[in-house]
């Protein structure tokens, strides 16, 4: 599970002066349940209306069915600097392929 990897390596992200915010298209109660289950030290927010995916352009309309019938958002990693500027977006057309934590940290270090 990707959140578990971010949780396991959270100290490395903190050392790179990076905050993690997970955003899920699940309803609020499910996002809260996920946070408790995984035990993330960072927030897990709900974007059930998919406003964030629209703002960042990460929406993918695919044949993969979303559990609630809405647009499916493939996992994306968005690096936003302290000034609010989007510096890097990772997404893959195949929802099963995720960037590794090592790749994520490498991109963070490149931006410094």
N, C-alpha and C. Protein backbone atom coordinates (compact mmCIF):
# COMPACT_ATOMS: atom_id res chain seq x y z
N UNK A 1 0.84 -1.19 0.00
CA UNK A 1 0.00 0.00 0.00
C UNK A 1 0.88 1.24 0.00
N UNK A 2 0.58 2.17 -0.88
CA UNK A 2 1.39 3.37 -1.04
C UNK A 2 1.42 4.21 0.24
N UNK A 3 0.29 4.39 0.92
CA UNK A 3 0.28 5.18 2.15
C UNK A 3 1.18 4.56 3.20
N UNK A 4 1.22 3.25 3.24
CA UNK A 4 2.10 2.56 4.18
C UNK A 4 3.56 2.87 3.91
N UNK A 5 3.93 2.96 2.63
CA UNK A 5 5.32 3.28 2.27
C UNK A 5 5.66 4.72 2.67
N UNK A 6 4.72 5.65 2.43
CA UNK A 6 4.96 7.03 2.85
C UNK A 6 5.06 7.12 4.36
N UNK A 7 4.25 6.34 5.06
CA UNK A 7 4.29 6.32 6.53
C UNK A 7 5.63 5.77 7.01
N UNK A 8 6.06 4.67 6.41
CA UNK A 8 7.32 4.03 6.81
C UNK A 8 8.52 4.96 6.60
N UNK A 9 8.47 5.76 5.55
CA UNK A 9 9.59 6.64 5.21
C UNK A 9 9.33 8.10 5.57
N UNK A 10 8.36 8.35 6.42
CA UNK A 10 7.95 9.71 6.77
C UNK A 10 9.12 10.56 7.27
N UNK A 11 9.98 9.97 8.10
CA UNK A 11 11.13 10.73 8.63
C UNK A 11 12.06 11.22 7.53
N UNK A 12 12.18 10.44 6.46
CA UNK A 12 13.03 10.86 5.33
C UNK A 12 12.42 12.07 4.62
N UNK A 13 11.10 12.08 4.50
CA UNK A 13 10.43 13.24 3.89
C UNK A 13 10.57 14.46 4.79
N UNK A 14 10.44 14.26 6.10
CA UNK A 14 10.61 15.37 7.04
C UNK A 14 12.03 15.92 6.97
N UNK A 15 13.01 15.03 6.85
CA UNK A 15 14.41 15.46 6.75
C UNK A 15 14.64 16.28 5.47
N UNK A 16 13.83 16.02 4.44
CA UNK A 16 13.93 16.76 3.19
C UNK A 16 13.02 18.00 3.21
N UNK A 17 12.55 18.36 4.41
CA UNK A 17 11.70 19.53 4.59
C UNK A 17 10.44 19.45 3.72
N UNK A 18 9.82 18.27 3.71
CA UNK A 18 8.66 18.00 2.87
C UNK A 18 7.49 17.53 3.70
N UNK A 19 6.34 18.14 3.49
CA UNK A 19 5.11 17.71 4.15
C UNK A 19 4.32 16.82 3.20
N UNK A 20 3.71 15.79 3.73
CA UNK A 20 2.88 14.89 2.94
C UNK A 20 1.42 15.16 3.30
N UNK A 21 0.58 15.26 2.29
CA UNK A 21 -0.86 15.33 2.48
C UNK A 21 -1.46 14.34 1.49
N UNK A 22 -2.16 13.34 2.01
CA UNK A 22 -2.82 12.37 1.14
C UNK A 22 -4.24 12.85 0.88
N UNK A 23 -4.67 12.74 -0.36
CA UNK A 23 -6.02 13.15 -0.73
C UNK A 23 -6.68 11.97 -1.43
N UNK A 24 -7.83 11.56 -0.88
CA UNK A 24 -8.56 10.41 -1.38
C UNK A 24 -9.90 10.84 -1.95
N UNK A 25 -10.39 10.11 -2.94
CA UNK A 25 -11.73 10.40 -3.46
C UNK A 25 -12.80 9.68 -2.63
N UNK A 26 -12.37 9.01 -1.58
CA UNK A 26 -13.33 8.34 -0.69
C UNK A 26 -14.06 9.38 0.15
N UNK A 27 -15.27 9.04 0.62
CA UNK A 27 -15.98 9.94 1.53
C UNK A 27 -15.16 10.19 2.80
N UNK A 28 -15.47 11.26 3.51
CA UNK A 28 -14.71 11.68 4.68
C UNK A 28 -14.54 10.57 5.71
N UNK A 29 -15.59 9.88 6.05
CA UNK A 29 -15.48 8.82 7.08
C UNK A 29 -14.53 7.71 6.64
N UNK A 30 -14.54 7.38 5.36
CA UNK A 30 -13.63 6.34 4.87
C UNK A 30 -12.19 6.84 4.88
N UNK A 31 -11.98 8.11 4.53
CA UNK A 31 -10.63 8.69 4.58
C UNK A 31 -10.12 8.66 6.02
N UNK A 32 -10.98 8.98 6.99
CA UNK A 32 -10.58 8.92 8.40
C UNK A 32 -10.24 7.49 8.80
N UNK A 33 -11.04 6.53 8.34
CA UNK A 33 -10.80 5.12 8.66
C UNK A 33 -9.45 4.68 8.08
N UNK A 34 -9.16 5.09 6.85
CA UNK A 34 -7.88 4.74 6.22
C UNK A 34 -6.72 5.29 7.04
N UNK A 35 -6.83 6.55 7.48
CA UNK A 35 -5.78 7.16 8.28
C UNK A 35 -5.55 6.36 9.57
N UNK A 36 -6.63 5.98 10.24
CA UNK A 36 -6.50 5.20 11.48
C UNK A 36 -5.91 3.82 11.19
N UNK A 37 -6.38 3.17 10.13
CA UNK A 37 -5.93 1.81 9.81
C UNK A 37 -4.44 1.79 9.49
N UNK A 38 -4.00 2.72 8.64
CA UNK A 38 -2.60 2.76 8.22
C UNK A 38 -1.73 3.40 9.30
N UNK A 39 -2.32 4.33 10.07
CA UNK A 39 -1.56 5.01 11.11
C UNK A 39 -0.65 6.09 10.56
N UNK A 40 -1.12 6.80 9.54
CA UNK A 40 -0.28 7.83 8.93
C UNK A 40 -0.04 8.99 9.89
N UNK A 41 1.18 9.52 9.93
CA UNK A 41 1.47 10.70 10.74
C UNK A 41 1.10 11.99 10.00
N UNK A 42 0.58 11.86 8.80
CA UNK A 42 0.18 13.01 7.98
C UNK A 42 -1.32 12.91 7.70
N UNK A 43 -1.95 14.04 7.32
CA UNK A 43 -3.39 14.01 7.09
C UNK A 43 -3.79 13.22 5.86
N UNK A 44 -4.97 12.60 5.93
CA UNK A 44 -5.60 11.95 4.78
C UNK A 44 -6.93 12.68 4.59
N UNK A 45 -7.00 13.47 3.53
CA UNK A 45 -8.16 14.30 3.27
C UNK A 45 -9.11 13.64 2.28
N UNK A 46 -10.37 14.03 2.35
CA UNK A 46 -11.38 13.52 1.43
C UNK A 46 -11.65 14.53 0.32
N UNK A 47 -11.65 14.04 -0.90
CA UNK A 47 -12.02 14.86 -2.06
C UNK A 47 -13.11 14.11 -2.83
N UNK A 48 -14.18 13.77 -2.11
CA UNK A 48 -15.25 12.97 -2.70
C UNK A 48 -15.89 13.65 -3.91
N UNK A 49 -15.87 14.97 -3.96
CA UNK A 49 -16.44 15.70 -5.10
C UNK A 49 -15.43 15.88 -6.22
N UNK A 50 -14.20 15.43 -5.99
CA UNK A 50 -13.13 15.43 -6.99
C UNK A 50 -12.72 16.83 -7.46
N UNK A 51 -12.83 17.79 -6.58
CA UNK A 51 -12.45 19.17 -6.91
C UNK A 51 -10.94 19.30 -7.05
N UNK A 52 -10.18 18.62 -6.19
CA UNK A 52 -8.72 18.72 -6.22
C UNK A 52 -8.17 18.13 -7.51
N UNK A 53 -8.70 16.97 -7.92
CA UNK A 53 -8.21 16.36 -9.15
C UNK A 53 -8.49 17.26 -10.35
N UNK A 54 -9.58 18.01 -10.30
CA UNK A 54 -9.86 18.97 -11.38
C UNK A 54 -8.85 20.12 -11.33
N UNK A 55 -8.58 20.64 -10.13
CA UNK A 55 -7.65 21.77 -9.99
C UNK A 55 -6.25 21.43 -10.48
N UNK A 56 -5.79 20.22 -10.18
CA UNK A 56 -4.43 19.83 -10.56
C UNK A 56 -4.36 19.05 -11.87
N UNK A 57 -5.51 18.83 -12.49
CA UNK A 57 -5.52 18.15 -13.79
C UNK A 57 -5.08 16.70 -13.71
N UNK A 58 -5.42 16.00 -12.64
CA UNK A 58 -4.98 14.61 -12.49
C UNK A 58 -6.09 13.61 -12.77
N UNK A 59 -7.25 14.08 -13.22
CA UNK A 59 -8.37 13.18 -13.48
C UNK A 59 -8.08 12.31 -14.70
N UNK A 60 -8.32 11.04 -14.55
CA UNK A 60 -8.21 10.11 -15.67
C UNK A 60 -9.57 9.48 -15.89
N UNK A 61 -10.08 9.57 -17.08
CA UNK A 61 -11.32 8.88 -17.41
C UNK A 61 -10.91 7.61 -18.13
N UNK A 62 -11.05 6.50 -17.45
CA UNK A 62 -10.61 5.22 -17.99
C UNK A 62 -11.74 4.22 -17.89
N UNK A 63 -11.47 3.03 -18.35
CA UNK A 63 -12.46 1.96 -18.23
C UNK A 63 -12.44 1.33 -16.84
N UNK A 64 -11.46 1.71 -16.01
CA UNK A 64 -11.39 1.18 -14.66
C UNK A 64 -12.56 1.77 -13.86
N UNK A 65 -13.41 0.93 -13.28
CA UNK A 65 -14.59 1.45 -12.61
C UNK A 65 -14.29 2.04 -11.23
N UNK A 66 -14.76 3.24 -11.00
CA UNK A 66 -14.66 3.85 -9.67
C UNK A 66 -15.76 3.24 -8.81
N UNK A 67 -15.48 2.93 -7.54
CA UNK A 67 -16.50 2.30 -6.69
C UNK A 67 -17.81 3.08 -6.60
N UNK A 68 -17.74 4.41 -6.67
CA UNK A 68 -18.97 5.19 -6.56
C UNK A 68 -19.49 5.66 -7.90
N UNK A 69 -18.87 5.24 -8.99
CA UNK A 69 -19.34 5.60 -10.31
C UNK A 69 -18.81 6.93 -10.83
N UNK A 70 -18.07 7.67 -10.01
CA UNK A 70 -17.52 8.96 -10.44
C UNK A 70 -16.25 8.76 -11.24
N UNK A 71 -15.66 9.87 -11.70
CA UNK A 71 -14.39 9.77 -12.43
C UNK A 71 -13.32 9.13 -11.55
N UNK A 72 -12.53 8.28 -12.16
CA UNK A 72 -11.48 7.61 -11.41
C UNK A 72 -10.21 8.44 -11.46
N UNK A 73 -9.60 8.64 -10.32
CA UNK A 73 -8.35 9.38 -10.25
C UNK A 73 -7.22 8.40 -9.96
N UNK A 74 -6.35 8.20 -10.92
CA UNK A 74 -5.19 7.36 -10.67
C UNK A 74 -4.31 8.03 -9.63
N UNK A 75 -3.59 7.23 -8.89
CA UNK A 75 -2.69 7.78 -7.88
C UNK A 75 -1.75 8.78 -8.54
N UNK A 76 -1.61 9.91 -7.93
CA UNK A 76 -0.74 10.96 -8.45
C UNK A 76 0.07 11.52 -7.30
N UNK A 77 1.27 11.94 -7.59
CA UNK A 77 2.09 12.63 -6.61
C UNK A 77 2.35 14.02 -7.15
N UNK A 78 2.00 15.02 -6.36
CA UNK A 78 2.16 16.40 -6.77
C UNK A 78 3.08 17.08 -5.77
N UNK A 79 4.19 17.61 -6.24
CA UNK A 79 5.10 18.34 -5.37
C UNK A 79 4.83 19.83 -5.54
N UNK A 80 4.45 20.45 -4.44
CA UNK A 80 4.14 21.88 -4.42
C UNK A 80 5.15 22.53 -3.49
N UNK A 81 5.84 23.57 -3.97
CA UNK A 81 6.84 24.20 -3.11
C UNK A 81 6.18 25.10 -2.07
N UNK A 82 6.97 25.67 -1.18
CA UNK A 82 6.43 26.45 -0.06
C UNK A 82 5.72 27.71 -0.52
N UNK A 83 5.92 28.10 -1.78
CA UNK A 83 5.24 29.26 -2.34
C UNK A 83 3.95 28.88 -3.07
N UNK A 84 3.62 27.59 -3.04
CA UNK A 84 2.39 27.13 -3.69
C UNK A 84 2.54 26.84 -5.18
N UNK A 85 3.79 26.79 -5.67
CA UNK A 85 4.03 26.52 -7.08
C UNK A 85 4.18 25.01 -7.29
N UNK A 86 3.40 24.46 -8.23
CA UNK A 86 3.51 23.05 -8.57
C UNK A 86 4.85 22.85 -9.28
N UNK A 87 5.69 21.99 -8.72
CA UNK A 87 7.02 21.77 -9.27
C UNK A 87 7.14 20.45 -10.03
N UNK A 88 6.28 19.48 -9.69
CA UNK A 88 6.37 18.17 -10.34
C UNK A 88 5.08 17.41 -10.10
N UNK A 89 4.58 16.73 -11.13
CA UNK A 89 3.42 15.85 -11.00
C UNK A 89 3.80 14.50 -11.57
N UNK A 90 3.58 13.46 -10.78
CA UNK A 90 3.78 12.09 -11.27
C UNK A 90 2.43 11.42 -11.35
N UNK A 91 2.14 10.87 -12.49
CA UNK A 91 0.96 10.02 -12.66
C UNK A 91 1.27 9.06 -13.79
N UNK A 92 0.62 7.92 -13.76
CA UNK A 92 0.85 6.91 -14.78
C UNK A 92 -0.51 6.45 -15.29
N UNK A 93 -0.64 6.25 -16.58
CA UNK A 93 -1.90 5.81 -17.16
C UNK A 93 -2.33 4.45 -16.62
N UNK A 94 -1.38 3.65 -16.16
CA UNK A 94 -1.69 2.35 -15.57
C UNK A 94 -1.75 2.53 -14.05
N UNK A 95 -2.95 2.43 -13.49
CA UNK A 95 -3.14 2.68 -12.06
C UNK A 95 -2.32 1.76 -11.17
N UNK A 96 -1.83 0.66 -11.71
CA UNK A 96 -1.06 -0.29 -10.89
C UNK A 96 0.40 0.12 -10.74
N UNK A 97 0.85 1.08 -11.53
CA UNK A 97 2.25 1.50 -11.49
C UNK A 97 2.36 2.79 -10.69
N UNK A 98 3.14 2.74 -9.64
CA UNK A 98 3.34 3.89 -8.76
C UNK A 98 4.82 4.25 -8.72
N UNK A 99 5.11 5.50 -8.49
CA UNK A 99 6.49 5.90 -8.29
C UNK A 99 6.97 5.31 -6.96
N UNK A 100 8.22 4.97 -6.88
CA UNK A 100 8.75 4.45 -5.62
C UNK A 100 9.08 5.61 -4.68
N UNK A 101 9.17 5.31 -3.41
CA UNK A 101 9.55 6.33 -2.43
C UNK A 101 10.93 6.90 -2.79
N UNK A 102 11.83 6.04 -3.23
CA UNK A 102 13.17 6.50 -3.62
C UNK A 102 13.08 7.51 -4.77
N UNK A 103 12.21 7.24 -5.76
CA UNK A 103 12.02 8.18 -6.87
C UNK A 103 11.44 9.50 -6.36
N UNK A 104 10.45 9.39 -5.48
CA UNK A 104 9.82 10.60 -4.93
C UNK A 104 10.84 11.47 -4.20
N UNK A 105 11.64 10.84 -3.35
CA UNK A 105 12.65 11.59 -2.60
C UNK A 105 13.71 12.18 -3.52
N UNK A 106 14.07 11.47 -4.59
CA UNK A 106 15.05 11.98 -5.55
C UNK A 106 14.52 13.25 -6.22
N UNK A 107 13.25 13.26 -6.59
CA UNK A 107 12.67 14.45 -7.22
C UNK A 107 12.62 15.61 -6.23
N UNK A 108 12.32 15.31 -4.99
CA UNK A 108 12.31 16.37 -3.97
C UNK A 108 13.69 16.99 -3.83
N UNK A 109 14.70 16.14 -3.77
CA UNK A 109 16.08 16.65 -3.61
C UNK A 109 16.54 17.45 -4.83
N UNK A 110 16.07 17.06 -6.02
CA UNK A 110 16.42 17.79 -7.24
C UNK A 110 15.87 19.21 -7.22
N UNK A 111 14.76 19.42 -6.55
CA UNK A 111 14.12 20.72 -6.54
C UNK A 111 14.77 21.69 -5.57
N UNK A 112 15.64 21.23 -4.74
CA UNK A 112 16.27 22.08 -3.73
C UNK A 112 17.43 22.85 -4.30
